[in-house]
């Protein structure tokens, strides 16, 4: 029963895609709507290359991603760095 429902769901999705993309004007209209509504968020990039760390051991050279993580902490205010 579940398999039949999933097959039907997949068939409906495929038919909808066929309908949506069959007519160029309709396709353009809904692609623009989707992008404006759902596809308009860009994750922020943090650049820590300008940071200096006075008092830090000069033998330790931070890698760019480590400096970027520090910038994220300083600017984000609610950052968790987890591995």
PDB file of N, CA and C in Angstrom:
ATOM      1  N   UNK A   1       0.825  -1.195   0.000  1.00  0.00           N
ATOM      2  CA  UNK A   1       0.000   0.000   0.000  1.00  0.00           C
ATOM      3  C   UNK A   1       0.873   1.265   0.000  1.00  0.00           C
ATOM      4  N   UNK A   2       1.889   1.269   0.870  1.00  0.00           N
ATOM      5  CA  UNK A   2       2.793   2.415   0.929  1.00  0.00           C
ATOM      6  C   UNK A   2       3.569   2.555  -0.372  1.00  0.00           C
ATOM      7  N   UNK A   3       4.000   1.444  -0.922  1.00  0.00           N
ATOM      8  CA  UNK A   3       4.748   1.475  -2.181  1.00  0.00           C
ATOM      9  C   UNK A   3       3.885   2.028  -3.314  1.00  0.00           C
ATOM     10  N   UNK A   4       2.625   1.632  -3.347  1.00  0.00           N
ATOM     11  CA  UNK A   4       1.723   2.145  -4.383  1.00  0.00           C
ATOM     12  C   UNK A   4       1.528   3.654  -4.235  1.00  0.00           C
ATOM     13  N   UNK A   5       1.406   4.107  -2.998  1.00  0.00           N
ATOM     14  CA  UNK A   5       1.239   5.542  -2.750  1.00  0.00           C
ATOM     15  C   UNK A   5       2.485   6.307  -3.187  1.00  0.00           C
ATOM     16  N   UNK A   6       3.660   5.767  -2.903  1.00  0.00           N
ATOM     17  CA  UNK A   6       4.907   6.429  -3.310  1.00  0.00           C
ATOM     18  C   UNK A   6       5.045   6.464  -4.827  1.00  0.00           C
ATOM     19  N   UNK A   7       4.683   5.374  -5.469  1.00  0.00           N
ATOM     20  CA  UNK A   7       4.734   5.345  -6.929  1.00  0.00           C
ATOM     21  C   UNK A   7       3.794   6.392  -7.523  1.00  0.00           C
ATOM     22  N   UNK A   8       2.603   6.493  -6.957  1.00  0.00           N
ATOM     23  CA  UNK A   8       1.629   7.482  -7.420  1.00  0.00           C
ATOM     24  C   UNK A   8       2.162   8.898  -7.185  1.00  0.00           C
ATOM     25  N   UNK A   9       2.766   9.112  -6.018  1.00  0.00           N
ATOM     26  CA  UNK A   9       3.349  10.414  -5.699  1.00  0.00           C
ATOM     27  C   UNK A   9       4.431  10.781  -6.715  1.00  0.00           C
ATOM     28  N   UNK A  10       5.306   9.847  -7.016  1.00  0.00           N
ATOM     29  CA  UNK A  10       6.366  10.097  -7.998  1.00  0.00           C
ATOM     30  C   UNK A  10       5.792  10.394  -9.380  1.00  0.00           C
ATOM     31  N   UNK A  11       4.741   9.681  -9.747  1.00  0.00           N
ATOM     32  CA  UNK A  11       4.107   9.909 -11.041  1.00  0.00           C
ATOM     33  C   UNK A  11       3.515  11.324 -11.100  1.00  0.00           C
ATOM     34  N   UNK A  12       2.849  11.740 -10.017  1.00  0.00           N
ATOM     35  CA  UNK A  12       2.259  13.081  -9.966  1.00  0.00           C
ATOM     36  C   UNK A  12       3.349  14.143 -10.064  1.00  0.00           C
ATOM     37  N   UNK A  13       4.457  13.944  -9.357  1.00  0.00           N
ATOM     38  CA  UNK A  13       5.572  14.895  -9.421  1.00  0.00           C
ATOM     39  C   UNK A  13       6.113  15.013 -10.842  1.00  0.00           C
ATOM     40  N   UNK A  14       6.291  13.888 -11.497  1.00  0.00           N
ATOM     41  CA  UNK A  14       6.818  13.901 -12.862  1.00  0.00           C
ATOM     42  C   UNK A  14       5.859  14.595 -13.824  1.00  0.00           C
ATOM     43  N   UNK A  15       4.581  14.298 -13.698  1.00  0.00           N
ATOM     44  CA  UNK A  15       3.583  14.936 -14.568  1.00  0.00           C
ATOM     45  C   UNK A  15       3.546  16.445 -14.329  1.00  0.00           C
ATOM     46  N   UNK A  16       3.677  16.849 -13.061  1.00  0.00           N
ATOM     47  CA  UNK A  16       3.696  18.276 -12.746  1.00  0.00           C
ATOM     48  C   UNK A  16       4.909  18.944 -13.388  1.00  0.00           C
ATOM     49  N   UNK A  17       6.087  18.313 -13.284  1.00  0.00           N
ATOM     50  CA  UNK A  17       7.285  18.882 -13.907  1.00  0.00           C
ATOM     51  C   UNK A  17       7.119  18.990 -15.419  1.00  0.00           C
ATOM     52  N   UNK A  18       6.548  17.959 -16.016  1.00  0.00           N
ATOM     53  CA  UNK A  18       6.314  18.003 -17.459  1.00  0.00           C
ATOM     54  C   UNK A  18       5.408  19.176 -17.817  1.00  0.00           C
ATOM     55  N   UNK A  19       4.328  19.338 -17.050  1.00  0.00           N
ATOM     56  CA  UNK A  19       3.395  20.437 -17.299  1.00  0.00           C
ATOM     57  C   UNK A  19       4.080  21.786 -17.089  1.00  0.00           C
ATOM     58  N   UNK A  20       4.807  21.915 -15.998  1.00  0.00           N
ATOM     59  CA  UNK A  20       5.432  23.180 -15.636  1.00  0.00           C
ATOM     60  C   UNK A  20       6.423  23.651 -16.694  1.00  0.00           C
ATOM     61  N   UNK A  21       7.223  22.729 -17.201  1.00  0.00           N
ATOM     62  CA  UNK A  21       8.289  23.110 -18.127  1.00  0.00           C
ATOM     63  C   UNK A  21       7.891  23.004 -19.597  1.00  0.00           C
ATOM     64  N   UNK A  22       6.669  22.603 -19.878  1.00  0.00           N
ATOM     65  CA  UNK A  22       6.238  22.432 -21.267  1.00  0.00           C
ATOM     66  C   UNK A  22       6.098  23.765 -21.997  1.00  0.00           C
ATOM     67  N   UNK A  23       5.677  24.798 -21.299  1.00  0.00           N
ATOM     68  CA  UNK A  23       5.436  26.102 -21.913  1.00  0.00           C
ATOM     69  C   UNK A  23       6.463  27.108 -21.389  1.00  0.00           C
ATOM     70  N   UNK A  24       7.283  27.698 -22.264  1.00  0.00           N
ATOM     71  CA  UNK A  24       8.368  28.587 -21.818  1.00  0.00           C
ATOM     72  C   UNK A  24       7.914  29.753 -20.932  1.00  0.00           C
ATOM     73  N   UNK A  25       6.772  30.375 -21.270  1.00  0.00           N
ATOM     74  CA  UNK A  25       6.302  31.508 -20.457  1.00  0.00           C
ATOM     75  C   UNK A  25       5.949  31.059 -19.044  1.00  0.00           C
ATOM     76  N   UNK A  26       5.266  29.931 -18.960  1.00  0.00           N
ATOM     77  CA  UNK A  26       4.882  29.397 -17.647  1.00  0.00           C
ATOM     78  C   UNK A  26       6.129  29.016 -16.867  1.00  0.00           C
ATOM     79  N   UNK A  27       7.060  28.361 -17.526  1.00  0.00           N
ATOM     80  CA  UNK A  27       8.303  27.961 -16.866  1.00  0.00           C
ATOM     81  C   UNK A  27       9.020  29.179 -16.302  1.00  0.00           C
ATOM     82  N   UNK A  28       9.183  30.215 -17.110  1.00  0.00           N
ATOM     83  CA  UNK A  28       9.885  31.423 -16.676  1.00  0.00           C
ATOM     84  C   UNK A  28       9.188  32.064 -15.482  1.00  0.00           C
ATOM     85  N   UNK A  29       7.873  32.150 -15.549  1.00  0.00           N
ATOM     86  CA  UNK A  29       7.094  32.764 -14.468  1.00  0.00           C
ATOM     87  C   UNK A  29       7.331  32.047 -13.146  1.00  0.00           C
ATOM     88  N   UNK A  30       7.256  30.728 -13.151  1.00  0.00           N
ATOM     89  CA  UNK A  30       7.377  29.977 -11.902  1.00  0.00           C
ATOM     90  C   UNK A  30       8.822  29.819 -11.444  1.00  0.00           C
ATOM     91  N   UNK A  31       9.754  29.793 -12.369  1.00  0.00           N
ATOM     92  CA  UNK A  31      11.168  29.766 -11.979  1.00  0.00           C
ATOM     93  C   UNK A  31      11.524  31.068 -11.271  1.00  0.00           C
ATOM     94  N   UNK A  32      11.084  32.195 -11.816  1.00  0.00           N
ATOM     95  CA  UNK A  32      11.337  33.487 -11.171  1.00  0.00           C
ATOM     96  C   UNK A  32      10.675  33.554  -9.800  1.00  0.00           C
ATOM     97  N   UNK A  33       9.433  33.092  -9.723  1.00  0.00           N
ATOM     98  CA  UNK A  33       8.722  33.097  -8.436  1.00  0.00           C
ATOM     99  C   UNK A  33       9.467  32.245  -7.407  1.00  0.00           C
ATOM    100  N   UNK A  34       9.874  31.059  -7.805  1.00  0.00           N
ATOM    101  CA  UNK A  34      10.594  30.169  -6.886  1.00  0.00           C
ATOM    102  C   UNK A  34      11.889  30.816  -6.408  1.00  0.00           C
ATOM    103  N   UNK A  35      12.655  31.363  -7.329  1.00  0.00           N
ATOM    104  CA  UNK A  35      13.933  31.965  -6.955  1.00  0.00           C
ATOM    105  C   UNK A  35      13.747  33.161  -6.031  1.00  0.00           C
ATOM    106  N   UNK A  36      12.752  33.989  -6.292  1.00  0.00           N
ATOM    107  CA  UNK A  36      12.494  35.147  -5.432  1.00  0.00           C
ATOM    108  C   UNK A  36      12.006  34.721  -4.050  1.00  0.00           C
ATOM    109  N   UNK A  37      11.241  33.640  -3.987  1.00  0.00           N
ATOM    110  CA  UNK A  37      10.634  33.220  -2.728  1.00  0.00           C
ATOM    111  C   UNK A  37      11.534  32.314  -1.901  1.00  0.00           C
ATOM    112  N   UNK A  38      12.192  31.362  -2.533  1.00  0.00           N
ATOM    113  CA  UNK A  38      12.899  30.326  -1.786  1.00  0.00           C
ATOM    114  C   UNK A  38      14.400  30.280  -2.013  1.00  0.00           C
ATOM    115  N   UNK A  39      14.871  30.817  -3.097  1.00  0.00           N
ATOM    116  CA  UNK A  39      16.260  30.613  -3.489  1.00  0.00           C
ATOM    117  C   UNK A  39      17.043  31.924  -3.433  1.00  0.00           C
ATOM    118  N   UNK A  40      16.794  32.719  -2.399  1.00  0.00           N
ATOM    119  CA  UNK A  40      17.407  34.037  -2.358  1.00  0.00           C
ATOM    120  C   UNK A  40      18.257  34.260  -1.113  1.00  0.00           C
ATOM    121  N   UNK A  41      18.642  33.203  -0.462  1.00  0.00           N
ATOM    122  CA  UNK A  41      19.447  33.324   0.750  1.00  0.00           C
ATOM    123  C   UNK A  41      20.857  32.831   0.462  1.00  0.00           C
ATOM    124  N   UNK A  42      21.813  33.636   0.810  1.00  0.00           N
ATOM    125  CA  UNK A  42      23.214  33.260   0.633  1.00  0.00           C
ATOM    126  C   UNK A  42      23.859  33.258   2.002  1.00  0.00           C
ATOM    127  N   UNK A  43      24.524  32.177   2.326  1.00  0.00           N
ATOM    128  CA  UNK A  43      25.190  32.096   3.610  1.00  0.00           C
ATOM    129  C   UNK A  43      26.313  33.116   3.684  1.00  0.00           C
ATOM    130  N   UNK A  44      26.457  33.710   4.846  1.00  0.00           N
ATOM    131  CA  UNK A  44      27.483  34.729   5.035  1.00  0.00           C
ATOM    132  C   UNK A  44      28.860  34.086   5.054  1.00  0.00           C
ATOM    133  N   UNK A  45      29.815  34.775   4.449  1.00  0.00           N
ATOM    134  CA  UNK A  45      31.204  34.326   4.485  1.00  0.00           C
ATOM    135  C   UNK A  45      31.980  35.263   5.397  1.00  0.00           C
ATOM    136  N   UNK A  46      32.791  34.692   6.255  1.00  0.00           N
ATOM    137  CA  UNK A  46      33.566  35.471   7.210  1.00  0.00           C
ATOM    138  C   UNK A  46      35.024  35.499   6.777  1.00  0.00           C
ATOM    139  N   UNK A  47      35.622  36.685   6.826  1.00  0.00           N
ATOM    140  CA  UNK A  47      37.015  36.847   6.436  1.00  0.00           C
ATOM    141  C   UNK A  47      37.798  37.339   7.645  1.00  0.00           C
ATOM    142  N   UNK A  48      38.655  36.482   8.160  1.00  0.00           N
ATOM    143  CA  UNK A  48      39.467  36.839   9.315  1.00  0.00           C
ATOM    144  C   UNK A  48      40.893  37.180   8.960  1.00  0.00           C
ATOM    145  N   UNK A  49      41.166  37.394   7.682  1.00  0.00           N
ATOM    146  CA  UNK A  49      42.544  37.636   7.246  1.00  0.00           C
ATOM    147  C   UNK A  49      43.134  38.910   7.851  1.00  0.00           C
ATOM    148  N   UNK A  50      42.297  39.846   8.229  1.00  0.00           N
ATOM    149  CA  UNK A  50      42.770  41.115   8.782  1.00  0.00           C
ATOM    150  C   UNK A  50      43.058  41.041  10.286  1.00  0.00           C
ATOM    151  N   UNK A  51      42.661  39.966  10.932  1.00  0.00           N
ATOM    152  CA  UNK A  51      42.789  39.871  12.387  1.00  0.00           C
ATOM    153  C   UNK A  51      44.237  39.700  12.819  1.00  0.00           C
ATOM    154  N   UNK A  52      44.553  40.338  13.936  1.00  0.00           N
ATOM    155  CA  UNK A  52      45.861  40.174  14.567  1.00  0.00           C
ATOM    156  C   UNK A  52      45.623  39.673  15.982  1.00  0.00           C
ATOM    157  N   UNK A  53      46.574  38.916  16.493  1.00  0.00           N
ATOM    158  CA  UNK A  53      46.418  38.297  17.804  1.00  0.00           C
ATOM    159  C   UNK A  53      47.602  38.661  18.689  1.00  0.00           C
ATOM    160  N   UNK A  54      47.585  39.865  19.261  1.00  0.00           N
ATOM    161  CA  UNK A  54      48.699  40.278  20.113  1.00  0.00           C
ATOM    162  C   UNK A  54      48.780  39.387  21.350  1.00  0.00           C
ATOM    163  N   UNK A  55      50.003  39.046  21.708  1.00  0.00           N
ATOM    164  CA  UNK A  55      50.218  38.192  22.871  1.00  0.00           C
ATOM    165  C   UNK A  55      50.182  36.707  22.553  1.00  0.00           C
ATOM    166  N   UNK A  56      49.842  36.364  21.322  1.00  0.00           N
ATOM    167  CA  UNK A  56      49.801  34.956  20.936  1.00  0.00           C
ATOM    168  C   UNK A  56      51.212  34.469  20.618  1.00  0.00           C
ATOM    169  N   UNK A  57      51.485  33.226  20.901  1.00  0.00           N
ATOM    170  CA  UNK A  57      52.783  32.618  20.622  1.00  0.00           C
ATOM    171  C   UNK A  57      53.121  32.816  19.138  1.00  0.00           C
ATOM    172  N   UNK A  58      54.214  33.505  18.823  1.00  0.00           N
ATOM    173  CA  UNK A  58      54.560  33.760  17.417  1.00  0.00           C
ATOM    174  C   UNK A  58      54.925  32.495  16.644  1.00  0.00           C
ATOM    175  N   UNK A  59      55.192  31.406  17.328  1.00  0.00           N
ATOM    176  CA  UNK A  59      55.516  30.155  16.648  1.00  0.00           C
ATOM    177  C   UNK A  59      54.258  29.488  16.082  1.00  0.00           C
ATOM    178  N   UNK A  60      53.105  29.942  16.537  1.00  0.00           N
ATOM    179  CA  UNK A  60      51.843  29.369  16.058  1.00  0.00           C
ATOM    180  C   UNK A  60      51.286  30.269  14.960  1.00  0.00           C
ATOM    181  N   UNK A  61      51.132  29.710  13.789  1.00  0.00           N
ATOM    182  CA  UNK A  61      50.577  30.444  12.643  1.00  0.00           C
ATOM    183  C   UNK A  61      49.177  29.889  12.362  1.00  0.00           C
ATOM    184  N   UNK A  62      48.167  30.721  12.561  1.00  0.00           N
ATOM    185  CA  UNK A  62      46.801  30.271  12.300  1.00  0.00           C
ATOM    186  C   UNK A  62      46.557  30.148  10.797  1.00  0.00           C
ATOM    187  N   UNK A  63      45.817  29.121  10.435  1.00  0.00           N
ATOM    188  CA  UNK A  63      45.441  28.912   9.035  1.00  0.00           C
ATOM    189  C   UNK A  63      44.259  29.828   8.704  1.00  0.00           C
ATOM    190  N   UNK A  64      44.055  30.100   7.419  1.00  0.00           N
ATOM    191  CA  UNK A  64      42.958  31.008   7.043  1.00  0.00           C
ATOM    192  C   UNK A  64      41.597  30.591   7.607  1.00  0.00           C
ATOM    193  N   UNK A  65      41.287  29.299   7.580  1.00  0.00           N
ATOM    194  CA  UNK A  65      39.975  28.883   8.083  1.00  0.00           C
ATOM    195  C   UNK A  65      39.860  29.109   9.589  1.00  0.00           C
ATOM    196  N   UNK A  66      40.982  29.070  10.306  1.00  0.00           N
ATOM    197  CA  UNK A  66      40.947  29.328  11.737  1.00  0.00           C
ATOM    198  C   UNK A  66      40.693  30.812  12.010  1.00  0.00           C
ATOM    199  N   UNK A  67      41.342  31.676  11.245  1.00  0.00           N
ATOM    200  CA  UNK A  67      41.090  33.116  11.389  1.00  0.00           C
ATOM    201  C   UNK A  67      39.647  33.449  11.010  1.00  0.00           C
ATOM    202  N   UNK A  68      39.147  32.794   9.982  1.00  0.00           N
ATOM    203  CA  UNK A  68      37.756  33.010   9.584  1.00  0.00           C
ATOM    204  C   UNK A  68      36.795  32.576  10.684  1.00  0.00           C
ATOM    205  N   UNK A  69      37.142  31.502  11.386  1.00  0.00           N
ATOM    206  CA  UNK A  69      36.304  31.045  12.501  1.00  0.00           C
ATOM    207  C   UNK A  69      36.294  32.072  13.624  1.00  0.00           C
ATOM    208  N   UNK A  70      37.439  32.674  13.906  1.00  0.00           N
ATOM    209  CA  UNK A  70      37.502  33.721  14.933  1.00  0.00           C
ATOM    210  C   UNK A  70      36.643  34.914  14.511  1.00  0.00           C
ATOM    211  N   UNK A  71      36.720  35.298  13.250  1.00  0.00           N
ATOM    212  CA  UNK A  71      35.886  36.398  12.754  1.00  0.00           C
ATOM    213  C   UNK A  71      34.410  36.064  12.910  1.00  0.00           C
ATOM    214  N   UNK A  72      34.060  34.830  12.650  1.00  0.00           N
ATOM    215  CA  UNK A  72      32.664  34.406  12.805  1.00  0.00           C
ATOM    216  C   UNK A  72      32.221  34.523  14.252  1.00  0.00           C
ATOM    217  N   UNK A  73      33.086  34.122  15.174  1.00  0.00           N
ATOM    218  CA  UNK A  73      32.767  34.229  16.599  1.00  0.00           C
ATOM    219  C   UNK A  73      32.567  35.696  16.980  1.00  0.00           C
ATOM    220  N   UNK A  74      33.480  36.551  16.545  1.00  0.00           N
ATOM    221  CA  UNK A  74      33.418  37.964  16.914  1.00  0.00           C
ATOM    222  C   UNK A  74      32.191  38.664  16.334  1.00  0.00           C
ATOM    223  N   UNK A  75      31.820  38.321  15.117  1.00  0.00           N
ATOM    224  CA  UNK A  75      30.715  39.005  14.449  1.00  0.00           C
ATOM    225  C   UNK A  75      29.360  38.342  14.671  1.00  0.00           C
ATOM    226  N   UNK A  76      29.382  37.037  14.928  1.00  0.00           N
ATOM    227  CA  UNK A  76      28.127  36.301  15.017  1.00  0.00           C
ATOM    228  C   UNK A  76      27.399  36.457  16.334  1.00  0.00           C
ATOM    229  N   UNK A  77      28.138  36.400  17.417  1.00  0.00           N
ATOM    230  CA  UNK A  77      27.513  36.535  18.719  1.00  0.00           C
ATOM    231  C   UNK A  77      26.847  35.282  19.249  1.00  0.00           C
ATOM    232  N   UNK A  78      26.705  34.270  18.445  1.00  0.00           N
ATOM    233  CA  UNK A  78      26.060  33.037  18.897  1.00  0.00           C
ATOM    234  C   UNK A  78      26.648  31.821  18.181  1.00  0.00           C
ATOM    235  N   UNK A  79      27.967  31.793  18.079  1.00  0.00           N
ATOM    236  CA  UNK A  79      28.637  30.781  17.267  1.00  0.00           C
ATOM    237  C   UNK A  79      29.050  29.580  18.095  1.00  0.00           C
ATOM    238  N   UNK A  80      28.807  28.400  17.558  1.00  0.00           N
ATOM    239  CA  UNK A  80      29.291  27.156  18.144  1.00  0.00           C
ATOM    240  C   UNK A  80      30.202  26.512  17.113  1.00  0.00           C
ATOM    241  N   UNK A  81      31.444  26.257  17.499  1.00  0.00           N
ATOM    242  CA  UNK A  81      32.373  25.537  16.630  1.00  0.00           C
ATOM    243  C   UNK A  81      32.461  24.119  17.160  1.00  0.00           C
ATOM    244  N   UNK A  82      31.990  23.179  16.393  1.00  0.00           N
ATOM    245  CA  UNK A  82      31.958  21.788  16.842  1.00  0.00           C
ATOM    246  C   UNK A  82      32.549  20.895  15.760  1.00  0.00           C
ATOM    247  N   UNK A  83      33.194  19.853  16.193  1.00  0.00           N
ATOM    248  CA  UNK A  83      33.762  18.884  15.248  1.00  0.00           C
ATOM    249  C   UNK A  83      33.043  17.575  15.406  1.00  0.00           C
TER     250      UNK A  83
END
